[in-house]
C-alpha atoms as a PDB file:
ATOM      1  CA  MET A   1      36.396   6.213 -23.401  1.00  0.00           C
ATOM      2  CA  PRO A   2      33.938   5.106 -20.323  1.00  0.00           C
ATOM      3  CA  LEU A   3      32.694   8.231 -18.543  1.00  0.00           C
ATOM      4  CA  PHE A   4      32.926   7.755 -14.405  1.00  0.00           C
ATOM      5  CA  VAL A   5      31.227   9.679 -12.029  1.00  0.00           C
ATOM      6  CA  HIS A   6      32.730  10.568  -8.506  1.00  0.00           C
ATOM      7  CA  ILE A   7      29.953  10.633  -6.339  1.00  0.00           C
ATOM      8  CA  SER A   8      31.258  12.632  -3.075  1.00  0.00           C
ATOM      9  CA  ASP A   9      30.649  10.908   0.927  1.00  0.00           C
ATOM     10  CA  LEU A  10      27.903  13.814   1.009  1.00  0.00           C
ATOM     11  CA  THR A  11      25.793  12.557  -1.735  1.00  0.00           C
ATOM     12  CA  TRP A  12      26.156   9.016  -0.472  1.00  0.00           C
ATOM     13  CA  TYR A  13      25.097  10.499   3.097  1.00  0.00           C
ATOM     14  CA  LEU A  14      21.788  12.060   1.558  1.00  0.00           C
ATOM     15  CA  LEU A  15      20.765   9.298  -0.913  1.00  0.00           C
ATOM     16  CA  HIS A  16      21.530   6.880   2.265  1.00  0.00           C
ATOM     17  CA  ASN A  17      19.306   9.226   4.209  1.00  0.00           C
ATOM     18  CA  LEU A  18      16.610   9.191   1.383  1.00  0.00           C
ATOM     19  CA  ILE A  19      16.537   5.402   1.478  1.00  0.00           C
ATOM     20  CA  ILE A  20      15.798   5.047   5.001  1.00  0.00           C
ATOM     21  CA  SER A  21      13.110   7.791   4.633  1.00  0.00           C
ATOM     22  CA  LEU A  22      11.186   5.906   2.156  1.00  0.00           C
ATOM     23  CA  GLN A  23      11.472   2.738   3.849  1.00  0.00           C
ATOM     24  CA  SER A  24      10.106   4.542   6.852  1.00  0.00           C
ATOM     25  CA  ALA A  25       7.054   6.089   5.164  1.00  0.00           C
ATOM     26  CA  PHE A  26       6.233   2.847   2.978  1.00  0.00           C
ATOM     27  CA  VAL A  27       5.758   0.919   6.691  1.00  0.00           C
ATOM     28  CA  LYS A  28       3.561   3.977   7.611  1.00  0.00           C
ATOM     29  CA  TYR A  29       1.479   3.950   4.305  1.00  0.00           C
ATOM     30  CA  ILE A  30       1.246   0.140   3.131  1.00  0.00           C
ATOM     31  CA  PRO A  31      -2.200  -1.070   4.427  1.00  0.00           C
ATOM     32  CA  GLY A  32      -1.204  -4.320   6.624  1.00  0.00           C
ATOM     33  CA  SER A  33       2.055  -3.369   6.797  1.00  0.00           C
ATOM     34  CA  GLY A  34       3.537  -5.841   9.503  1.00  0.00           C
ATOM     35  CA  GLY A  35       6.432  -6.221   7.552  1.00  0.00           C
ATOM     36  CA  GLY A  36       4.682  -8.710   4.664  1.00  0.00           C
ATOM     37  CA  GLY A  37       2.502  -6.217   2.572  1.00  0.00           C
ATOM     38  CA  SER A  38       4.238  -4.679  -0.581  1.00  0.00           C
ATOM     39  CA  LYS A  39       1.777  -2.774  -2.826  1.00  0.00           C
ATOM     40  CA  THR A  40       0.148   0.396  -2.105  1.00  0.00           C
ATOM     41  CA  THR A  41      -2.008   2.783  -4.010  1.00  0.00           C
ATOM     42  CA  SER A  42      -0.726   5.792  -6.597  1.00  0.00           C
ATOM     43  CA  PHE A  43      -2.314   8.033  -3.916  1.00  0.00           C
ATOM     44  CA  ASN A  44      -0.633   6.267  -1.183  1.00  0.00           C
ATOM     45  CA  LEU A  45       2.800   6.716  -3.360  1.00  0.00           C
ATOM     46  CA  ARG A  46       2.364  10.432  -3.264  1.00  0.00           C
ATOM     47  CA  LEU A  47       2.031  10.494   0.432  1.00  0.00           C
ATOM     48  CA  ILE A  48       5.317   8.305   0.391  1.00  0.00           C
ATOM     49  CA  LEU A  49       7.122  10.405  -1.385  1.00  0.00           C
ATOM     50  CA  TRP A  50       6.059  13.580   0.415  1.00  0.00           C
ATOM     51  CA  GLU A  51       6.772  11.787   3.859  1.00  0.00           C
ATOM     52  CA  ALA A  52      10.623  11.047   2.519  1.00  0.00           C
ATOM     53  CA  GLY A  53      11.194  14.596   1.395  1.00  0.00           C
ATOM     54  CA  VAL A  54      10.372  14.433  -2.295  1.00  0.00           C
ATOM     55  CA  THR A  55       8.262  16.072  -4.303  1.00  0.00           C
ATOM     56  CA  VAL A  56       6.762  15.122  -8.046  1.00  0.00           C
ATOM     57  CA  SER A  57       4.600  16.572 -10.411  1.00  0.00           C
ATOM     58  CA  ASN A  58       1.422  14.559 -11.726  1.00  0.00           C
ATOM     59  CA  LYS A  59       3.194  13.199 -14.986  1.00  0.00           C
ATOM     60  CA  VAL A  60       6.071  11.758 -12.656  1.00  0.00           C
ATOM     61  CA  LEU A  61       3.937   9.800 -10.583  1.00  0.00           C
ATOM     62  CA  GLU A  62       2.000   8.770 -13.341  1.00  0.00           C
ATOM     63  CA  CYS A  63       5.425   7.834 -15.035  1.00  0.00           C
ATOM     64  CA  LEU A  64       6.305   5.663 -11.687  1.00  0.00           C
ATOM     65  CA  VAL A  65       3.086   4.162 -11.499  1.00  0.00           C
ATOM     66  CA  LEU A  66       2.913   2.793 -15.352  1.00  0.00           C
ATOM     67  CA  ARG A  67       6.625   1.449 -14.890  1.00  0.00           C
ATOM     68  CA  SER A  68       5.533  -0.591 -11.675  1.00  0.00           C
ATOM     69  CA  VAL A  69       2.512  -1.949 -13.723  1.00  0.00           C
ATOM     70  CA  ILE A  70       4.999  -2.682 -16.604  1.00  0.00           C
ATOM     71  CA  ILE A  71       7.589  -4.412 -14.772  1.00  0.00           C
ATOM     72  CA  GLU A  72       5.011  -6.942 -12.808  1.00  0.00           C
END
């Protein structure tokens, strides 16, 4: 039996705001971001997440960086 999760409108609203915050933070911290750049440093990644209101532990940050390296 499949498990369905109902996401309330409030959750969608918060998720939407988080995405908008992340987008604006990426533009702020990506070097030479005139819309063309898409790479940043792991140090800037922490600043981007903080700017969007998200805090992560060193281990989570390390996992995010390693995951992005593996995907490339």
